[in-house]
């Protein structure tokens, strides 16, 4: 008697897709987003491209993050704002007469430098932020970046006050510091090609510029 067609996938040579560990799809999407946003800005990167690069369905992207903006916020904005919040907490605990100014500056510069190197796509989008709609700025978290920079500006003003310095723009030293670190990260390959100086050498040079360029300047 002839056999009917088997419904067993193994008999037809088909294989079911391997099951991913919990959280694996989210991790793959975050990695793919960081990679693609580092090469193209926010507007020119699509959710389909991110999902394909991650090897998952676009449906999973929306299930985990809700939108491209939600993914961008978690992949690139949160690492920056979390860093600023943590540094703000460190600053609040500082006892000026017991604090090594150089070590505090090194902690700030080194950690911010690492965050920006690991999340270079944030730089591209910040540079192009003037072309984004207000809705994109809010939903993608660019407004959160601005609020974080305002926090750093407040810390800058407090630091100047502790040193008896006065300025009509007390937030500018902090913004100038961030801009200097951003520029070093963004232009690193332009400056050094494929042979950049060691990370420690770059951080040390930035620290020296901050300590002797901003904190010890003359009124």
N, C-alpha and C. Protein backbone atom coordinates (compact mmCIF):
# COMPACT_ATOMS: atom_id res chain seq x y z
N UNK A 1 0.86 -1.19 0.00
CA UNK A 1 0.00 0.00 0.00
C UNK A 1 0.90 1.24 0.00
N UNK A 2 0.68 2.20 -0.88
CA UNK A 2 1.56 3.36 -0.95
C UNK A 2 1.47 4.19 0.32
N UNK A 3 2.62 4.71 0.69
CA UNK A 3 2.69 5.55 1.88
C UNK A 3 2.20 6.96 1.56
N UNK A 4 1.48 7.59 2.49
CA UNK A 4 1.08 8.98 2.33
C UNK A 4 2.27 9.90 2.56
N UNK A 5 2.13 11.16 2.14
CA UNK A 5 3.21 12.13 2.32
C UNK A 5 3.39 12.41 3.81
N UNK A 6 4.59 12.30 4.26
CA UNK A 6 4.87 12.52 5.69
C UNK A 6 4.81 14.01 6.00
N UNK A 7 4.28 14.28 7.16
CA UNK A 7 4.26 15.67 7.63
C UNK A 7 5.43 15.97 8.54
N UNK A 8 6.30 14.99 8.73
CA UNK A 8 7.46 15.18 9.59
C UNK A 8 8.52 16.00 8.85
N UNK A 9 8.90 17.11 9.38
CA UNK A 9 9.86 17.99 8.69
C UNK A 9 11.19 17.28 8.48
N UNK A 10 11.59 16.43 9.42
CA UNK A 10 12.86 15.76 9.28
C UNK A 10 12.92 14.89 8.04
N UNK A 11 11.73 14.29 7.65
CA UNK A 11 11.71 13.42 6.49
C UNK A 11 11.89 14.20 5.20
N UNK A 12 11.63 15.48 5.19
CA UNK A 12 11.78 16.30 3.99
C UNK A 12 13.07 17.07 3.97
N UNK A 13 13.87 16.90 5.03
CA UNK A 13 15.15 17.60 5.09
C UNK A 13 15.05 19.03 5.56
N UNK A 14 13.85 19.49 5.96
CA UNK A 14 13.69 20.85 6.43
C UNK A 14 14.12 20.95 7.89
N UNK A 15 14.62 22.07 8.25
CA UNK A 15 15.05 22.31 9.63
C UNK A 15 14.31 23.51 10.18
N UNK A 16 13.88 23.38 11.40
CA UNK A 16 13.21 24.52 12.02
C UNK A 16 14.27 25.52 12.45
N UNK A 17 13.87 26.80 12.52
CA UNK A 17 14.81 27.85 12.92
C UNK A 17 15.26 27.61 14.35
N UNK A 18 16.54 27.79 14.63
CA UNK A 18 17.04 27.56 15.99
C UNK A 18 16.40 28.53 16.98
N UNK A 19 16.14 28.04 18.15
CA UNK A 19 15.56 28.89 19.18
C UNK A 19 16.65 29.78 19.77
N UNK A 20 16.34 31.06 19.92
CA UNK A 20 17.30 31.99 20.51
C UNK A 20 17.13 32.04 22.02
N UNK A 21 18.23 32.30 22.68
CA UNK A 21 18.17 32.47 24.12
C UNK A 21 17.37 33.72 24.45
N UNK A 22 16.74 33.77 25.62
CA UNK A 22 15.98 34.98 26.00
C UNK A 22 16.87 36.22 25.94
N UNK A 23 16.35 37.26 25.31
CA UNK A 23 17.11 38.50 25.20
C UNK A 23 18.06 38.56 24.03
N UNK A 24 18.24 37.44 23.30
CA UNK A 24 19.19 37.42 22.20
C UNK A 24 18.76 38.34 21.06
N UNK A 25 17.47 38.33 20.72
CA UNK A 25 16.99 39.19 19.63
C UNK A 25 17.20 40.66 19.97
N UNK A 26 16.93 41.03 21.20
CA UNK A 26 17.13 42.42 21.64
C UNK A 26 18.60 42.80 21.51
N UNK A 27 19.49 41.92 21.95
CA UNK A 27 20.92 42.20 21.87
C UNK A 27 21.37 42.36 20.43
N UNK A 28 20.90 41.48 19.55
CA UNK A 28 21.28 41.55 18.14
C UNK A 28 20.78 42.85 17.50
N UNK A 29 19.57 43.26 17.85
CA UNK A 29 19.02 44.50 17.30
C UNK A 29 19.80 45.72 17.79
N UNK A 30 20.18 45.74 19.06
CA UNK A 30 20.95 46.86 19.59
C UNK A 30 22.32 46.94 18.91
N UNK A 31 22.96 45.79 18.71
CA UNK A 31 24.28 45.78 18.05
C UNK A 31 24.16 46.25 16.60
N UNK A 32 23.14 45.75 15.90
CA UNK A 32 22.95 46.14 14.51
C UNK A 32 22.64 47.63 14.40
N UNK A 33 21.82 48.13 15.31
CA UNK A 33 21.47 49.55 15.29
C UNK A 33 22.70 50.41 15.51
N UNK A 34 23.53 50.05 16.49
CA UNK A 34 24.75 50.83 16.76
C UNK A 34 25.67 50.83 15.55
N UNK A 35 25.76 49.69 14.88
CA UNK A 35 26.64 49.60 13.72
C UNK A 35 26.10 50.45 12.56
N UNK A 36 24.81 50.33 12.26
CA UNK A 36 24.25 51.06 11.12
C UNK A 36 24.17 52.56 11.39
N UNK A 37 23.78 52.94 12.60
CA UNK A 37 23.70 54.37 12.92
C UNK A 37 25.09 55.01 12.93
N UNK A 38 26.13 54.21 13.13
CA UNK A 38 27.50 54.74 13.10
C UNK A 38 27.95 55.04 11.68
N UNK A 39 27.26 54.45 10.70
CA UNK A 39 27.63 54.67 9.30
C UNK A 39 26.67 55.59 8.57
N UNK A 40 25.43 55.66 9.07
CA UNK A 40 24.44 56.55 8.45
C UNK A 40 23.63 57.21 9.56
N UNK A 41 23.15 58.40 9.32
CA UNK A 41 22.44 59.09 10.38
C UNK A 41 21.04 58.51 10.59
N UNK A 42 20.35 59.09 11.55
CA UNK A 42 19.06 58.56 12.00
C UNK A 42 18.04 58.47 10.87
N UNK A 43 17.92 59.53 10.09
CA UNK A 43 16.87 59.58 9.07
C UNK A 43 17.09 58.57 7.95
N UNK A 44 18.34 58.32 7.58
CA UNK A 44 18.62 57.46 6.42
C UNK A 44 18.75 55.99 6.77
N UNK A 45 18.55 55.62 8.02
CA UNK A 45 18.60 54.22 8.43
C UNK A 45 17.18 53.73 8.68
N UNK A 46 16.81 52.61 8.06
CA UNK A 46 15.44 52.12 8.17
C UNK A 46 15.36 50.94 9.13
N UNK A 47 14.16 50.72 9.64
CA UNK A 47 13.95 49.58 10.55
C UNK A 47 14.15 48.26 9.83
N UNK A 48 13.80 48.21 8.56
CA UNK A 48 13.99 46.98 7.79
C UNK A 48 15.47 46.63 7.69
N UNK A 49 16.31 47.64 7.43
CA UNK A 49 17.75 47.41 7.32
C UNK A 49 18.33 46.95 8.65
N UNK A 50 17.86 47.53 9.74
CA UNK A 50 18.36 47.12 11.05
C UNK A 50 17.97 45.68 11.35
N UNK A 51 16.71 45.34 11.08
CA UNK A 51 16.25 43.98 11.33
C UNK A 51 17.01 42.97 10.48
N UNK A 52 17.24 43.29 9.21
CA UNK A 52 17.99 42.38 8.34
C UNK A 52 19.42 42.20 8.83
N UNK A 53 20.05 43.29 9.26
CA UNK A 53 21.43 43.20 9.76
C UNK A 53 21.49 42.37 11.04
N UNK A 54 20.42 42.44 11.84
CA UNK A 54 20.38 41.67 13.08
C UNK A 54 19.99 40.22 12.86
N UNK A 55 19.44 39.92 11.68
CA UNK A 55 19.00 38.57 11.39
C UNK A 55 17.71 38.20 12.08
N UNK A 56 16.86 39.21 12.32
CA UNK A 56 15.56 38.95 12.94
C UNK A 56 14.49 39.63 12.10
N UNK A 57 13.25 39.39 12.44
CA UNK A 57 12.16 40.01 11.70
C UNK A 57 11.95 41.45 12.17
N UNK A 58 11.40 42.25 11.26
CA UNK A 58 11.08 43.63 11.61
C UNK A 58 10.03 43.67 12.71
N UNK A 59 9.16 42.64 12.73
CA UNK A 59 8.14 42.56 13.78
C UNK A 59 8.79 42.53 15.17
N UNK A 60 9.91 41.79 15.31
CA UNK A 60 10.58 41.72 16.60
C UNK A 60 11.15 43.06 17.02
N UNK A 61 11.62 43.83 16.04
CA UNK A 61 12.14 45.17 16.36
C UNK A 61 11.03 46.00 17.00
N UNK A 62 9.86 45.99 16.38
CA UNK A 62 8.76 46.80 16.91
C UNK A 62 8.25 46.24 18.23
N UNK A 63 8.30 44.91 18.39
CA UNK A 63 7.83 44.31 19.64
C UNK A 63 8.73 44.72 20.81
N UNK A 64 10.03 44.76 20.57
CA UNK A 64 10.97 45.07 21.65
C UNK A 64 11.12 46.56 21.91
N UNK A 65 11.06 47.38 20.85
CA UNK A 65 11.40 48.79 21.01
C UNK A 65 10.29 49.76 20.62
N UNK A 66 9.24 49.27 19.97
CA UNK A 66 8.11 50.11 19.62
C UNK A 66 8.27 50.88 18.33
N UNK A 67 9.47 51.36 18.05
CA UNK A 67 9.70 52.18 16.86
C UNK A 67 11.20 52.34 16.64
N UNK A 68 11.57 52.92 15.51
CA UNK A 68 12.99 53.23 15.27
C UNK A 68 13.50 54.20 16.33
N UNK A 69 12.65 55.16 16.68
CA UNK A 69 13.05 56.14 17.70
C UNK A 69 13.33 55.46 19.03
N UNK A 70 12.48 54.51 19.40
CA UNK A 70 12.68 53.80 20.66
C UNK A 70 13.97 53.00 20.66
N UNK A 71 14.28 52.38 19.52
CA UNK A 71 15.53 51.63 19.39
C UNK A 71 16.73 52.57 19.45
N UNK A 72 16.64 53.68 18.75
CA UNK A 72 17.75 54.65 18.77
C UNK A 72 18.00 55.16 20.18
N UNK A 73 16.92 55.46 20.88
CA UNK A 73 17.04 55.98 22.24
C UNK A 73 17.77 54.97 23.14
N UNK A 74 17.37 53.70 23.05
CA UNK A 74 17.99 52.69 23.93
C UNK A 74 19.41 52.36 23.50
N UNK A 75 19.65 52.31 22.19
CA UNK A 75 20.97 51.91 21.69
C UNK A 75 22.01 52.99 21.88
N UNK A 76 21.63 54.26 21.72
CA UNK A 76 22.63 55.32 21.65
C UNK A 76 22.44 56.46 22.66
N UNK A 77 21.21 56.81 22.96
CA UNK A 77 20.98 57.95 23.84
C UNK A 77 21.16 57.57 25.31
N UNK A 78 20.58 56.45 25.72
CA UNK A 78 20.64 56.06 27.13
C UNK A 78 22.07 55.90 27.65
N UNK A 79 22.99 55.31 26.88
CA UNK A 79 24.37 55.23 27.40
C UNK A 79 24.95 56.60 27.73
N UNK A 80 24.63 57.61 26.93
CA UNK A 80 25.14 58.96 27.19
C UNK A 80 24.46 59.58 28.40
N UNK A 81 23.13 59.55 28.43
CA UNK A 81 22.43 60.19 29.54
C UNK A 81 22.69 59.46 30.86
N UNK A 82 22.84 58.12 30.81
CA UNK A 82 23.17 57.38 32.02
C UNK A 82 24.54 57.80 32.55
N UNK A 83 25.49 57.99 31.63
CA UNK A 83 26.82 58.44 32.03
C UNK A 83 26.74 59.80 32.73
N UNK A 84 25.99 60.73 32.13
CA UNK A 84 25.89 62.06 32.71
C UNK A 84 25.21 62.00 34.09
N UNK A 85 24.16 61.19 34.22
CA UNK A 85 23.48 61.06 35.51
C UNK A 85 24.43 60.50 36.56
N UNK A 86 25.23 59.49 36.17
CA UNK A 86 26.18 58.89 37.12
C UNK A 86 27.25 59.90 37.52
N UNK A 87 27.72 60.69 36.54
CA UNK A 87 28.74 61.68 36.88
C UNK A 87 28.13 62.77 37.76
N UNK A 88 26.87 63.12 37.51
CA UNK A 88 26.20 64.09 38.36
C UNK A 88 26.13 63.62 39.80
N UNK A 89 25.86 62.32 39.99
CA UNK A 89 25.82 61.76 41.35
C UNK A 89 27.21 61.79 41.98
N UNK A 90 28.23 61.49 41.17
CA UNK A 90 29.61 61.56 41.67
C UNK A 90 29.95 62.98 42.10
N UNK A 91 29.53 63.96 41.28
CA UNK A 91 29.82 65.35 41.58
C UNK A 91 29.16 65.78 42.89
N UNK A 92 27.93 65.33 43.11
CA UNK A 92 27.22 65.70 44.33
C UNK A 92 27.93 65.19 45.58
N UNK A 93 28.67 64.08 45.43
CA UNK A 93 29.38 63.48 46.57
C UNK A 93 30.79 64.05 46.75
N UNK A 94 31.20 64.94 45.86
CA UNK A 94 32.57 65.48 45.92
C UNK A 94 32.75 66.40 47.12
N UNK A 95 33.85 66.18 47.84
CA UNK A 95 34.29 67.10 48.90
C UNK A 95 35.51 67.81 48.34
N UNK A 96 35.37 69.10 47.97
CA UNK A 96 36.43 69.78 47.22
C UNK A 96 37.82 69.64 47.81
N UNK A 97 37.95 69.83 49.12
CA UNK A 97 39.28 69.79 49.73
C UNK A 97 39.86 68.38 49.81
N UNK A 98 39.02 67.38 49.55
CA UNK A 98 39.50 65.99 49.60
C UNK A 98 39.54 65.36 48.21
N UNK A 99 39.31 66.14 47.18
CA UNK A 99 39.19 65.59 45.82
C UNK A 99 40.43 65.88 45.00
N UNK A 100 40.91 64.84 44.32
CA UNK A 100 42.01 64.99 43.36
C UNK A 100 41.40 65.49 42.05
N UNK A 101 41.62 66.76 41.76
CA UNK A 101 41.01 67.39 40.60
C UNK A 101 41.37 66.67 39.30
N UNK A 102 42.63 66.28 39.19
CA UNK A 102 43.08 65.62 37.97
C UNK A 102 42.41 64.26 37.81
N UNK A 103 42.27 63.51 38.90
CA UNK A 103 41.64 62.19 38.82
C UNK A 103 40.16 62.31 38.47
N UNK A 104 39.49 63.32 39.03
CA UNK A 104 38.08 63.52 38.70
C UNK A 104 37.92 63.87 37.22
N UNK A 105 38.80 64.74 36.71
CA UNK A 105 38.75 65.08 35.28
C UNK A 105 39.04 63.87 34.42
N UNK A 106 39.98 63.03 34.85
CA UNK A 106 40.31 61.82 34.07
C UNK A 106 39.13 60.86 34.03
N UNK A 107 38.43 60.72 35.15
CA UNK A 107 37.26 59.84 35.17
C UNK A 107 36.21 60.35 34.17
N UNK A 108 35.96 61.65 34.20
CA UNK A 108 34.95 62.22 33.32
C UNK A 108 35.35 62.05 31.86
N UNK A 109 36.56 62.48 31.51
CA UNK A 109 37.01 62.44 30.12
C UNK A 109 37.09 61.00 29.62
N UNK A 110 37.68 60.12 30.41
CA UNK A 110 37.86 58.74 29.97
C UNK A 110 36.55 58.02 29.73
N UNK A 111 35.61 58.20 30.64
CA UNK A 111 34.33 57.51 30.50
C UNK A 111 33.51 58.09 29.36
N UNK A 112 33.51 59.42 29.22
CA UNK A 112 32.77 60.02 28.11
C UNK A 112 33.40 59.64 26.77
N UNK A 113 34.71 59.64 26.70
CA UNK A 113 35.40 59.24 25.47
C UNK A 113 34.99 57.82 25.08
N UNK A 114 34.98 56.91 26.03
CA UNK A 114 34.62 55.51 25.75
C UNK A 114 33.17 55.39 25.30
N UNK A 115 32.28 56.12 25.96
CA UNK A 115 30.86 56.09 25.57
C UNK A 115 30.69 56.54 24.12
N UNK A 116 31.38 57.61 23.74
CA UNK A 116 31.24 58.15 22.39
C UNK A 116 31.89 57.25 21.35
N UNK A 117 33.02 56.64 21.69
CA UNK A 117 33.66 55.70 20.76
C UNK A 117 32.74 54.50 20.50
N UNK A 118 32.13 53.99 21.56
CA UNK A 118 31.26 52.81 21.43
C UNK A 118 29.91 53.14 20.80
N UNK A 119 29.55 54.42 20.75
CA UNK A 119 28.24 54.81 20.23
C UNK A 119 28.39 55.97 19.25
N UNK A 120 29.25 55.78 18.26
CA UNK A 120 29.58 56.86 17.32
C UNK A 120 28.38 57.32 16.52
N UNK A 121 27.38 56.46 16.36
CA UNK A 121 26.18 56.86 15.62
C UNK A 121 25.47 58.03 16.26
N UNK A 122 25.65 58.19 17.57
CA UNK A 122 25.02 59.32 18.25
C UNK A 122 25.59 60.63 17.72
N UNK A 123 26.89 60.64 17.41
CA UNK A 123 27.52 61.86 16.92
C UNK A 123 26.94 62.28 15.58
N UNK A 124 26.76 61.31 14.67
CA UNK A 124 26.20 61.63 13.36
C UNK A 124 24.83 62.27 13.48
N UNK A 125 24.02 61.71 14.36
CA UNK A 125 22.66 62.22 14.49
C UNK A 125 22.64 63.58 15.18
N UNK A 126 23.50 63.78 16.16
CA UNK A 126 23.55 65.09 16.82
C UNK A 126 23.98 66.18 15.84
N UNK A 127 24.94 65.85 14.98
CA UNK A 127 25.40 66.82 13.99
C UNK A 127 24.26 67.18 13.04
N UNK A 128 23.42 66.18 12.71
CA UNK A 128 22.33 66.41 11.76
C UNK A 128 21.02 66.77 12.45
N UNK A 129 21.06 67.04 13.76
CA UNK A 129 19.82 67.24 14.52
C UNK A 129 19.01 68.44 14.04
N UNK A 130 19.68 69.44 13.45
CA UNK A 130 18.95 70.61 12.98
C UNK A 130 17.95 70.26 11.88
N UNK A 131 18.19 69.14 11.20
CA UNK A 131 17.29 68.74 10.13
C UNK A 131 16.17 67.82 10.58
N UNK A 132 16.14 67.47 11.87
CA UNK A 132 15.11 66.59 12.38
C UNK A 132 13.88 67.38 12.81
N UNK A 133 12.73 66.75 12.72
CA UNK A 133 11.51 67.38 13.19
C UNK A 133 11.50 67.41 14.71
N UNK A 134 10.69 68.28 15.29
CA UNK A 134 10.58 68.33 16.74
C UNK A 134 10.08 67.00 17.30
N UNK A 135 9.21 66.33 16.53
CA UNK A 135 8.70 65.03 16.98
C UNK A 135 9.84 64.02 17.06
N UNK A 136 10.71 63.98 16.03
CA UNK A 136 11.84 63.06 16.05
C UNK A 136 12.81 63.41 17.18
N UNK A 137 13.04 64.68 17.39
CA UNK A 137 13.97 65.11 18.43
C UNK A 137 13.49 64.62 19.80
N UNK A 138 12.19 64.69 20.03
CA UNK A 138 11.66 64.26 21.32
C UNK A 138 11.61 62.74 21.42
N UNK A 139 11.08 62.07 20.38
CA UNK A 139 10.88 60.63 20.45
C UNK A 139 12.20 59.86 20.42
N UNK A 140 13.19 60.36 19.67
CA UNK A 140 14.47 59.66 19.58
C UNK A 140 15.39 59.97 20.75
N UNK A 141 15.01 60.91 21.59
CA UNK A 141 15.79 61.19 22.78
C UNK A 141 16.81 62.30 22.63
N UNK A 142 16.81 63.00 21.49
CA UNK A 142 17.76 64.11 21.33
C UNK A 142 17.51 65.18 22.38
N UNK A 143 16.24 65.36 22.74
CA UNK A 143 15.92 66.32 23.80
C UNK A 143 16.54 65.89 25.13
N UNK A 144 16.65 64.57 25.35
CA UNK A 144 17.28 64.07 26.57
C UNK A 144 18.77 64.41 26.58
N UNK A 145 19.40 64.37 25.40
CA UNK A 145 20.81 64.76 25.30
C UNK A 145 20.96 66.23 25.70
N UNK A 146 20.06 67.06 25.21
CA UNK A 146 20.12 68.48 25.55
C UNK A 146 19.95 68.70 27.05
N UNK A 147 19.04 67.93 27.66
CA UNK A 147 18.84 68.07 29.11
C UNK A 147 20.08 67.62 29.87
N UNK A 148 20.75 66.56 29.36
CA UNK A 148 21.98 66.09 30.00
C UNK A 148 23.07 67.14 29.89
N UNK A 149 23.15 67.79 28.75
CA UNK A 149 24.16 68.85 28.58
C UNK A 149 23.87 70.03 29.50
N UNK A 150 22.59 70.29 29.74
CA UNK A 150 22.22 71.35 30.69
C UNK A 150 22.70 70.99 32.09
N UNK A 151 22.58 69.70 32.46
CA UNK A 151 23.08 69.24 33.76
C UNK A 151 24.58 69.45 33.86
N UNK A 152 25.31 69.10 32.80
CA UNK A 152 26.76 69.31 32.80
C UNK A 152 27.08 70.80 32.91
N UNK A 153 26.29 71.63 32.24
CA UNK A 153 26.49 73.07 32.34
C UNK A 153 26.34 73.56 33.77
N UNK A 154 25.36 73.00 34.49
CA UNK A 154 25.17 73.37 35.89
C UNK A 154 26.36 72.96 36.75
N UNK A 155 26.89 71.76 36.48
CA UNK A 155 28.08 71.31 37.21
C UNK A 155 29.25 72.23 36.93
N UNK A 156 29.38 72.63 35.67
CA UNK A 156 30.45 73.56 35.29
C UNK A 156 30.35 74.86 36.07
N UNK A 157 29.14 75.40 36.17
CA UNK A 157 28.94 76.65 36.90
C UNK A 157 29.29 76.50 38.37
N UNK A 158 28.90 75.36 38.97
CA UNK A 158 29.22 75.12 40.37
C UNK A 158 30.73 75.01 40.56
N UNK A 159 31.39 74.33 39.63
CA UNK A 159 32.83 74.18 39.73
C UNK A 159 33.55 75.52 39.65
N UNK A 160 33.10 76.37 38.75
CA UNK A 160 33.71 77.71 38.64
C UNK A 160 33.49 78.52 39.91
N UNK A 161 32.29 78.39 40.48
CA UNK A 161 31.98 79.13 41.70
C UNK A 161 32.87 78.68 42.85
N UNK A 162 33.12 77.36 42.96
CA UNK A 162 33.98 76.83 44.01
C UNK A 162 35.40 77.38 43.91
N UNK A 163 35.82 77.68 42.68
CA UNK A 163 37.18 78.20 42.48
C UNK A 163 37.23 79.72 42.46
N UNK A 164 36.10 80.34 42.79
CA UNK A 164 36.07 81.79 42.84
C UNK A 164 36.09 82.45 41.48
N UNK A 165 35.71 81.69 40.44
CA UNK A 165 35.70 82.23 39.08
C UNK A 165 34.30 82.73 38.75
N UNK A 166 34.24 83.68 37.86
CA UNK A 166 32.94 84.24 37.45
C UNK A 166 32.90 84.35 35.94
N UNK A 167 31.72 84.06 35.38
CA UNK A 167 31.57 84.14 33.94
C UNK A 167 30.11 84.42 33.61
N UNK A 168 29.90 85.19 32.57
CA UNK A 168 28.55 85.44 32.12
C UNK A 168 27.93 84.22 31.46
N UNK A 169 28.77 83.24 31.09
CA UNK A 169 28.31 81.99 30.47
C UNK A 169 28.98 80.82 31.19
N UNK A 170 28.59 80.53 32.43
CA UNK A 170 29.28 79.51 33.22
C UNK A 170 29.12 78.09 32.69
N UNK A 171 28.15 77.86 31.79
CA UNK A 171 27.98 76.52 31.23
C UNK A 171 28.91 76.25 30.05
N UNK A 172 29.52 77.30 29.49
CA UNK A 172 30.34 77.12 28.30
C UNK A 172 31.57 76.23 28.51
N UNK A 173 32.25 76.29 29.67
CA UNK A 173 33.38 75.36 29.85
C UNK A 173 32.97 73.89 29.70
N UNK A 174 31.83 73.51 30.27
CA UNK A 174 31.37 72.12 30.15
C UNK A 174 31.03 71.78 28.71
N UNK A 175 30.33 72.68 28.03
CA UNK A 175 29.96 72.43 26.64
C UNK A 175 31.21 72.39 25.74
N UNK A 176 32.18 73.25 26.04
CA UNK A 176 33.42 73.24 25.26
C UNK A 176 34.19 71.95 25.49
N UNK A 177 34.16 71.46 26.72
CA UNK A 177 34.84 70.20 27.04
C UNK A 177 34.22 69.05 26.27
N UNK A 178 32.89 68.97 26.31
CA UNK A 178 32.19 67.90 25.57
C UNK A 178 32.47 68.01 24.08
N UNK A 179 32.43 69.24 23.55
CA UNK A 179 32.68 69.43 22.12
C UNK A 179 34.09 68.99 21.74
N UNK A 180 35.06 69.23 22.62
CA UNK A 180 36.43 68.83 22.35
C UNK A 180 36.56 67.29 22.30
N UNK A 181 35.91 66.62 23.24
CA UNK A 181 35.95 65.16 23.26
C UNK A 181 35.20 64.59 22.06
N UNK A 182 34.04 65.18 21.76
CA UNK A 182 33.27 64.75 20.58
C UNK A 182 34.11 64.90 19.32
N UNK A 183 34.80 66.04 19.18
CA UNK A 183 35.62 66.27 18.00
C UNK A 183 36.74 65.27 17.88
N UNK A 184 37.36 64.91 19.00
CA UNK A 184 38.45 63.93 18.96
C UNK A 184 37.94 62.57 18.50
N UNK A 185 36.75 62.19 18.98
CA UNK A 185 36.18 60.91 18.57
C UNK A 185 35.75 60.95 17.10
N UNK A 186 35.03 62.01 16.72
CA UNK A 186 34.48 62.10 15.37
C UNK A 186 35.57 62.20 14.31
N UNK A 187 36.67 62.86 14.64
CA UNK A 187 37.73 63.09 13.65
C UNK A 187 38.96 62.20 13.88
N UNK A 188 38.80 61.20 14.72
CA UNK A 188 39.96 60.37 15.07
C UNK A 188 40.61 59.75 13.84
N UNK A 189 39.79 59.18 12.94
CA UNK A 189 40.36 58.55 11.75
C UNK A 189 40.94 59.60 10.80
N UNK A 190 40.36 60.80 10.78
CA UNK A 190 40.90 61.88 9.96
C UNK A 190 42.26 62.33 10.47
N UNK A 191 42.37 62.43 11.78
CA UNK A 191 43.64 62.85 12.38
C UNK A 191 44.72 61.79 12.25
N UNK A 192 44.35 60.54 12.52
CA UNK A 192 45.37 59.50 12.72
C UNK A 192 45.30 58.33 11.74
N UNK A 193 44.30 58.31 10.85
CA UNK A 193 44.17 57.18 9.94
C UNK A 193 43.92 55.90 10.71
N UNK A 194 44.61 54.83 10.33
CA UNK A 194 44.42 53.53 10.97
C UNK A 194 45.38 53.31 12.13
N UNK A 195 46.14 54.36 12.51
CA UNK A 195 47.12 54.19 13.59
C UNK A 195 46.96 55.29 14.64
N UNK A 196 45.82 55.31 15.34
CA UNK A 196 45.62 56.34 16.36
C UNK A 196 46.52 56.10 17.56
N UNK A 197 46.82 57.15 18.32
CA UNK A 197 47.58 56.97 19.56
C UNK A 197 46.80 56.07 20.52
N UNK A 198 47.47 55.51 21.52
CA UNK A 198 46.74 54.72 22.53
C UNK A 198 45.64 55.52 23.19
N UNK A 199 44.61 54.85 23.59
CA UNK A 199 43.47 55.51 24.24
C UNK A 199 43.93 56.34 25.43
N UNK A 200 44.85 55.82 26.24
CA UNK A 200 45.31 56.54 27.42
C UNK A 200 46.01 57.84 27.06
N UNK A 201 46.77 57.83 25.95
CA UNK A 201 47.46 59.05 25.53
C UNK A 201 46.46 60.12 25.11
N UNK A 202 45.41 59.72 24.40
CA UNK A 202 44.39 60.68 23.98
C UNK A 202 43.67 61.25 25.19
N UNK A 203 43.27 60.37 26.12
CA UNK A 203 42.57 60.83 27.32
C UNK A 203 43.45 61.78 28.12
N UNK A 204 44.73 61.45 28.27
CA UNK A 204 45.63 62.30 29.05
C UNK A 204 45.76 63.68 28.42
N UNK A 205 45.84 63.74 27.09
CA UNK A 205 45.96 65.03 26.42
C UNK A 205 44.69 65.86 26.62
N UNK A 206 43.54 65.22 26.55
CA UNK A 206 42.28 65.92 26.77
C UNK A 206 42.19 66.43 28.21
N UNK A 207 42.63 65.62 29.16
CA UNK A 207 42.61 66.03 30.56
C UNK A 207 43.51 67.26 30.77
N UNK A 208 44.70 67.25 30.17
CA UNK A 208 45.61 68.39 30.31
C UNK A 208 44.98 69.65 29.72
N UNK A 209 44.30 69.50 28.58
CA UNK A 209 43.66 70.66 27.96
C UNK A 209 42.58 71.23 28.86
N UNK A 210 41.82 70.35 29.53
CA UNK A 210 40.75 70.80 30.41
C UNK A 210 41.33 71.48 31.64
N UNK A 211 42.27 70.82 32.29
CA UNK A 211 42.82 71.36 33.53
C UNK A 211 43.53 72.69 33.33
N UNK A 212 44.28 72.78 32.27
CA UNK A 212 45.08 73.99 32.09
C UNK A 212 44.45 74.98 31.11
N UNK A 213 43.43 74.54 30.39
CA UNK A 213 42.76 75.44 29.45
C UNK A 213 41.53 76.08 30.02
N UNK A 214 40.79 75.35 30.90
CA UNK A 214 39.53 75.86 31.42
C UNK A 214 39.60 76.16 32.92
N UNK A 215 39.99 75.16 33.70
CA UNK A 215 39.89 75.29 35.14
C UNK A 215 40.90 76.26 35.73
N UNK A 216 42.04 76.42 35.08
CA UNK A 216 43.07 77.29 35.62
C UNK A 216 43.27 78.55 34.79
N UNK A 217 42.27 78.89 34.05
CA UNK A 217 42.39 80.07 33.20
C UNK A 217 42.28 81.35 34.01
N UNK A 218 42.70 82.41 33.42
CA UNK A 218 42.60 83.72 34.05
C UNK A 218 41.24 84.33 33.73
N UNK A 219 40.68 85.08 34.66
CA UNK A 219 39.40 85.77 34.40
C UNK A 219 39.56 86.81 33.32
